[in-house]
Amino acid sequence: MNYQPTLDRSFEALSHPVRRAIVSRLVTGQATVGEASRGLGISKPAVTKHVKVLEAAGIVRRSVHGRQHTLELEPSPLHEASSWLELHRSLWEAKFEVVETHLADRREGKEKP
């Protein structure tokens, strides 16, 4: 097994809908923690926990200016996750094409059942 801790942390961080919402909001640019979490309906301590998970995965970078915490998306872990998904997507698509061809051949009588 090829253990990839960065990839594991990325998928773990993206496994929760609140964290995905925060990441989605940061796609357009930096935002304060309040802006990134506005309307999510969770407490400030819960937001802090979610942001810490994103930071630990390297997906979000936080900068502090006085009392204002600004979040910025760090796309490299997301690119790694996307590459992994794309590799597996293409492998599965190739397998599905073989199955589709086999089934079409059976329907057309080219192959014995």
N, C-alpha and C. Protein backbone atom coordinates (compact mmCIF):
# COMPACT_ATOMS: atom_id res chain seq x y z
N MET A 1 0.85 -1.17 0.00
CA MET A 1 0.00 0.00 0.00
C MET A 1 0.89 1.24 0.00
N ASN A 2 0.51 2.21 -0.80
CA ASN A 2 1.27 3.45 -0.91
C ASN A 2 0.63 4.50 -0.01
N TYR A 3 1.19 4.66 1.19
CA TYR A 3 0.62 5.59 2.17
C TYR A 3 0.99 7.02 1.80
N GLN A 4 0.00 7.87 1.66
CA GLN A 4 0.21 9.27 1.30
C GLN A 4 -0.47 10.15 2.35
N PRO A 5 0.27 10.54 3.39
CA PRO A 5 -0.37 11.29 4.48
C PRO A 5 -0.99 12.61 4.04
N THR A 6 -0.40 13.30 3.09
CA THR A 6 -0.96 14.57 2.64
C THR A 6 -2.31 14.34 1.98
N LEU A 7 -2.38 13.32 1.16
CA LEU A 7 -3.63 12.99 0.48
C LEU A 7 -4.70 12.58 1.48
N ASP A 8 -4.31 11.77 2.47
CA ASP A 8 -5.25 11.35 3.51
C ASP A 8 -5.81 12.56 4.27
N ARG A 9 -4.93 13.48 4.63
CA ARG A 9 -5.38 14.68 5.38
C ARG A 9 -6.32 15.53 4.51
N SER A 10 -6.02 15.62 3.22
CA SER A 10 -6.88 16.41 2.32
C SER A 10 -8.28 15.82 2.26
N PHE A 11 -8.36 14.50 2.04
CA PHE A 11 -9.68 13.88 1.95
C PHE A 11 -10.41 13.95 3.29
N GLU A 12 -9.69 13.79 4.37
CA GLU A 12 -10.32 13.90 5.69
C GLU A 12 -10.87 15.32 5.89
N ALA A 13 -10.07 16.31 5.53
CA ALA A 13 -10.50 17.70 5.70
C ALA A 13 -11.72 18.01 4.84
N LEU A 14 -11.77 17.45 3.65
CA LEU A 14 -12.88 17.73 2.73
C LEU A 14 -14.10 16.85 2.98
N SER A 15 -14.01 15.96 3.96
CA SER A 15 -15.10 15.03 4.21
C SER A 15 -16.30 15.67 4.91
N HIS A 16 -16.13 16.85 5.44
CA HIS A 16 -17.23 17.50 6.17
C HIS A 16 -17.80 18.65 5.34
N PRO A 17 -19.14 18.77 5.27
CA PRO A 17 -19.75 19.81 4.44
C PRO A 17 -19.41 21.24 4.88
N VAL A 18 -19.20 21.47 6.16
CA VAL A 18 -18.83 22.82 6.62
C VAL A 18 -17.45 23.18 6.06
N ARG A 19 -16.52 22.24 6.12
CA ARG A 19 -15.17 22.54 5.62
C ARG A 19 -15.19 22.73 4.10
N ARG A 20 -16.01 21.93 3.40
CA ARG A 20 -16.12 22.12 1.95
C ARG A 20 -16.71 23.49 1.64
N ALA A 21 -17.68 23.94 2.44
CA ALA A 21 -18.28 25.26 2.23
C ALA A 21 -17.25 26.36 2.43
N ILE A 22 -16.42 26.23 3.44
CA ILE A 22 -15.37 27.22 3.70
C ILE A 22 -14.39 27.25 2.53
N VAL A 23 -13.98 26.08 2.06
CA VAL A 23 -13.06 26.01 0.92
C VAL A 23 -13.71 26.65 -0.31
N SER A 24 -14.97 26.35 -0.55
CA SER A 24 -15.67 26.93 -1.70
C SER A 24 -15.69 28.45 -1.63
N ARG A 25 -15.87 28.98 -0.45
CA ARG A 25 -15.91 30.44 -0.29
C ARG A 25 -14.54 31.06 -0.51
N LEU A 26 -13.49 30.32 -0.23
CA LEU A 26 -12.13 30.85 -0.39
C LEU A 26 -11.61 30.75 -1.82
N VAL A 27 -12.34 30.06 -2.68
CA VAL A 27 -11.93 29.94 -4.07
C VAL A 27 -11.84 31.31 -4.73
N THR A 28 -12.70 32.22 -4.34
CA THR A 28 -12.72 33.55 -4.95
C THR A 28 -11.69 34.50 -4.35
N GLY A 29 -11.03 34.09 -3.28
CA GLY A 29 -10.00 34.94 -2.68
C GLY A 29 -10.03 34.88 -1.17
N GLN A 30 -9.14 35.64 -0.56
CA GLN A 30 -9.04 35.68 0.89
C GLN A 30 -10.35 36.13 1.52
N ALA A 31 -10.54 35.67 2.76
CA ALA A 31 -11.72 36.10 3.53
C ALA A 31 -11.36 35.98 5.00
N THR A 32 -12.02 36.80 5.81
CA THR A 32 -11.85 36.64 7.24
C THR A 32 -12.56 35.35 7.65
N VAL A 33 -12.26 34.86 8.83
CA VAL A 33 -12.92 33.65 9.32
C VAL A 33 -14.43 33.88 9.36
N GLY A 34 -14.86 35.05 9.80
CA GLY A 34 -16.28 35.38 9.86
C GLY A 34 -16.93 35.37 8.49
N GLU A 35 -16.25 35.94 7.50
CA GLU A 35 -16.79 35.96 6.14
C GLU A 35 -16.88 34.55 5.55
N ALA A 36 -15.84 33.76 5.79
CA ALA A 36 -15.79 32.41 5.23
C ALA A 36 -16.81 31.47 5.86
N SER A 37 -17.23 31.79 7.08
CA SER A 37 -18.16 30.89 7.78
C SER A 37 -19.56 31.47 7.95
N ARG A 38 -19.79 32.66 7.42
CA ARG A 38 -21.09 33.32 7.57
C ARG A 38 -22.21 32.45 7.00
N GLY A 39 -23.29 32.33 7.78
CA GLY A 39 -24.46 31.61 7.32
C GLY A 39 -24.38 30.10 7.43
N LEU A 40 -23.32 29.58 8.01
CA LEU A 40 -23.19 28.12 8.13
C LEU A 40 -23.97 27.57 9.33
N GLY A 41 -24.40 28.45 10.22
CA GLY A 41 -25.23 28.02 11.34
C GLY A 41 -24.50 27.21 12.39
N ILE A 42 -23.22 27.50 12.59
CA ILE A 42 -22.46 26.80 13.63
C ILE A 42 -21.79 27.83 14.53
N SER A 43 -21.41 27.40 15.71
CA SER A 43 -20.81 28.30 16.69
C SER A 43 -19.38 28.69 16.29
N LYS A 44 -18.89 29.76 16.89
CA LYS A 44 -17.51 30.19 16.63
C LYS A 44 -16.49 29.12 17.03
N PRO A 45 -16.67 28.44 18.19
CA PRO A 45 -15.74 27.36 18.51
C PRO A 45 -15.75 26.23 17.47
N ALA A 46 -16.93 25.93 16.93
CA ALA A 46 -17.01 24.89 15.89
C ALA A 46 -16.29 25.35 14.63
N VAL A 47 -16.46 26.63 14.27
CA VAL A 47 -15.76 27.17 13.10
C VAL A 47 -14.26 27.04 13.31
N THR A 48 -13.79 27.40 14.50
CA THR A 48 -12.36 27.31 14.82
C THR A 48 -11.84 25.89 14.63
N LYS A 49 -12.60 24.92 15.10
CA LYS A 49 -12.18 23.51 14.94
C LYS A 49 -12.10 23.12 13.47
N HIS A 50 -13.08 23.53 12.68
CA HIS A 50 -13.07 23.20 11.26
C HIS A 50 -11.91 23.88 10.54
N VAL A 51 -11.65 25.12 10.87
CA VAL A 51 -10.53 25.84 10.24
C VAL A 51 -9.21 25.17 10.61
N LYS A 52 -9.08 24.72 11.85
CA LYS A 52 -7.84 24.04 12.26
C LYS A 52 -7.62 22.75 11.48
N VAL A 53 -8.68 22.02 11.18
CA VAL A 53 -8.55 20.80 10.37
C VAL A 53 -8.06 21.16 8.97
N LEU A 54 -8.63 22.21 8.39
CA LEU A 54 -8.20 22.66 7.06
C LEU A 54 -6.75 23.14 7.07
N GLU A 55 -6.36 23.82 8.15
CA GLU A 55 -4.97 24.27 8.28
C GLU A 55 -4.02 23.08 8.40
N ALA A 56 -4.39 22.11 9.22
CA ALA A 56 -3.54 20.92 9.43
C ALA A 56 -3.34 20.15 8.13
N ALA A 57 -4.35 20.18 7.26
CA ALA A 57 -4.24 19.51 5.96
C ALA A 57 -3.46 20.35 4.95
N GLY A 58 -3.17 21.59 5.31
CA GLY A 58 -2.44 22.47 4.41
C GLY A 58 -3.30 23.09 3.33
N ILE A 59 -4.61 22.96 3.46
CA ILE A 59 -5.54 23.47 2.45
C ILE A 59 -5.81 24.96 2.64
N VAL A 60 -5.73 25.40 3.89
CA VAL A 60 -6.00 26.80 4.23
C VAL A 60 -4.82 27.35 5.02
N ARG A 61 -4.48 28.59 4.70
CA ARG A 61 -3.43 29.29 5.44
C ARG A 61 -4.09 30.48 6.13
N ARG A 62 -3.76 30.66 7.41
CA ARG A 62 -4.36 31.74 8.21
C ARG A 62 -3.28 32.79 8.50
N SER A 63 -3.65 34.04 8.35
CA SER A 63 -2.77 35.13 8.77
C SER A 63 -3.54 35.97 9.79
N VAL A 64 -2.81 36.45 10.78
CA VAL A 64 -3.43 37.20 11.87
C VAL A 64 -2.89 38.62 11.85
N HIS A 65 -3.81 39.57 11.81
CA HIS A 65 -3.48 41.00 11.86
C HIS A 65 -4.31 41.60 12.98
N GLY A 66 -3.69 41.75 14.13
CA GLY A 66 -4.44 42.21 15.30
C GLY A 66 -5.45 41.15 15.70
N ARG A 67 -6.71 41.53 15.71
CA ARG A 67 -7.76 40.57 16.07
C ARG A 67 -8.41 39.93 14.84
N GLN A 68 -7.97 40.34 13.67
CA GLN A 68 -8.58 39.82 12.44
C GLN A 68 -7.78 38.64 11.90
N HIS A 69 -8.48 37.52 11.72
CA HIS A 69 -7.88 36.31 11.16
C HIS A 69 -8.36 36.18 9.72
N THR A 70 -7.41 36.17 8.79
CA THR A 70 -7.74 36.05 7.38
C THR A 70 -7.32 34.68 6.88
N LEU A 71 -8.20 34.07 6.09
CA LEU A 71 -7.93 32.75 5.53
C LEU A 71 -7.66 32.87 4.04
N GLU A 72 -6.75 32.02 3.58
CA GLU A 72 -6.42 31.97 2.16
C GLU A 72 -6.30 30.51 1.75
N LEU A 73 -6.82 30.20 0.59
CA LEU A 73 -6.77 28.84 0.07
C LEU A 73 -5.36 28.52 -0.40
N GLU A 74 -4.88 27.34 -0.05
CA GLU A 74 -3.60 26.82 -0.54
C GLU A 74 -3.94 25.66 -1.46
N PRO A 75 -3.87 25.85 -2.77
CA PRO A 75 -4.42 24.85 -3.69
C PRO A 75 -3.59 23.58 -3.89
N SER A 76 -2.32 23.56 -3.53
CA SER A 76 -1.50 22.38 -3.86
C SER A 76 -2.05 21.06 -3.29
N PRO A 77 -2.52 20.99 -2.04
CA PRO A 77 -3.09 19.72 -1.58
C PRO A 77 -4.34 19.33 -2.37
N LEU A 78 -5.09 20.32 -2.83
CA LEU A 78 -6.28 20.04 -3.62
C LEU A 78 -5.91 19.52 -5.00
N HIS A 79 -4.80 20.03 -5.55
CA HIS A 79 -4.33 19.53 -6.84
C HIS A 79 -3.92 18.07 -6.73
N GLU A 80 -3.25 17.73 -5.63
CA GLU A 80 -2.84 16.34 -5.41
C GLU A 80 -4.06 15.43 -5.31
N ALA A 81 -5.08 15.86 -4.57
CA ALA A 81 -6.30 15.06 -4.45
C ALA A 81 -7.00 14.93 -5.80
N SER A 82 -7.04 16.01 -6.56
CA SER A 82 -7.66 16.00 -7.87
C SER A 82 -6.92 15.05 -8.81
N SER A 83 -5.61 15.05 -8.77
CA SER A 83 -4.82 14.15 -9.61
C SER A 83 -5.10 12.70 -9.26
N TRP A 84 -5.18 12.41 -7.97
CA TRP A 84 -5.47 11.04 -7.52
C TRP A 84 -6.84 10.60 -8.03
N LEU A 85 -7.83 11.47 -7.89
CA LEU A 85 -9.18 11.15 -8.35
C LEU A 85 -9.22 10.96 -9.86
N GLU A 86 -8.51 11.81 -10.59
CA GLU A 86 -8.49 11.71 -12.05
C GLU A 86 -7.86 10.40 -12.51
N LEU A 87 -6.78 9.99 -11.87
CA LEU A 87 -6.14 8.71 -12.21
C LEU A 87 -7.13 7.57 -12.03
N HIS A 88 -7.80 7.55 -10.90
CA HIS A 88 -8.74 6.46 -10.63
C HIS A 88 -10.00 6.55 -11.48
N ARG A 89 -10.41 7.74 -11.80
CA ARG A 89 -11.56 7.91 -12.69
C ARG A 89 -11.25 7.31 -14.05
N SER A 90 -10.08 7.61 -14.60
CA SER A 90 -9.75 7.09 -15.93
C SER A 90 -9.58 5.57 -15.91
N LEU A 91 -9.06 5.01 -14.82
CA LEU A 91 -8.94 3.56 -14.72
C LEU A 91 -10.32 2.91 -14.70
N TRP A 92 -11.24 3.47 -13.92
CA TRP A 92 -12.60 2.91 -13.86
C TRP A 92 -13.34 3.08 -15.17
N GLU A 93 -13.13 4.19 -15.84
CA GLU A 93 -13.79 4.40 -17.14
C GLU A 93 -13.32 3.35 -18.14
N ALA A 94 -12.04 3.03 -18.13
CA ALA A 94 -11.52 2.00 -19.03
C ALA A 94 -12.16 0.65 -18.72
N LYS A 95 -12.32 0.33 -17.44
CA LYS A 95 -12.95 -0.94 -17.06
C LYS A 95 -14.42 -0.96 -17.49
N PHE A 96 -15.11 0.15 -17.33
CA PHE A 96 -16.51 0.20 -17.74
C PHE A 96 -16.65 0.05 -19.25
N GLU A 97 -15.71 0.61 -20.00
CA GLU A 97 -15.76 0.47 -21.46
C GLU A 97 -15.64 -0.99 -21.87
N VAL A 98 -14.77 -1.75 -21.19
CA VAL A 98 -14.63 -3.18 -21.48
C VAL A 98 -15.94 -3.91 -21.20
N VAL A 99 -16.57 -3.59 -20.09
CA VAL A 99 -17.85 -4.22 -19.75
C VAL A 99 -18.92 -3.86 -20.77
N GLU A 100 -18.98 -2.59 -21.16
CA GLU A 100 -19.97 -2.16 -22.15
C GLU A 100 -19.76 -2.88 -23.48
N THR A 101 -18.52 -3.02 -23.91
CA THR A 101 -18.22 -3.73 -25.15
C THR A 101 -18.65 -5.19 -25.05
N HIS A 102 -18.34 -5.81 -23.94
CA HIS A 102 -18.73 -7.20 -23.72
C HIS A 102 -20.25 -7.37 -23.77
N LEU A 103 -20.96 -6.50 -23.11
CA LEU A 103 -22.43 -6.59 -23.11
C LEU A 103 -23.01 -6.33 -24.50
N ALA A 104 -22.43 -5.38 -25.22
CA ALA A 104 -22.90 -5.10 -26.59
C ALA A 104 -22.66 -6.31 -27.49
N ASP A 105 -21.50 -6.93 -27.35
CA ASP A 105 -21.20 -8.14 -28.13
C ASP A 105 -22.19 -9.25 -27.82
N ARG A 106 -22.53 -9.41 -26.57
CA ARG A 106 -23.51 -10.46 -26.19
C ARG A 106 -24.87 -10.17 -26.79
N ARG A 107 -25.28 -8.90 -26.77
CA ARG A 107 -26.58 -8.53 -27.34
C ARG A 107 -26.61 -8.80 -28.84
N GLU A 108 -25.50 -8.58 -29.49
CA GLU A 108 -25.43 -8.75 -30.95
C GLU A 108 -25.14 -10.20 -31.35
N GLY A 109 -24.95 -11.08 -30.36
CA GLY A 109 -24.70 -12.49 -30.63
C GLY A 109 -23.29 -12.80 -31.08
N LYS A 110 -22.36 -11.88 -30.88
CA LYS A 110 -20.97 -12.09 -31.26
C LYS A 110 -20.24 -13.01 -30.31
N GLU A 111 -20.81 -13.15 -29.13
CA GLU A 111 -20.14 -13.95 -28.11
C GLU A 111 -21.15 -14.89 -27.48
N LYS A 112 -20.71 -16.08 -27.18
CA LYS A 112 -21.60 -17.05 -26.53
C LYS A 112 -21.85 -16.63 -25.10
N PRO A 113 -23.07 -16.89 -24.60
CA PRO A 113 -23.38 -16.51 -23.21
C PRO A 113 -22.59 -17.31 -22.20
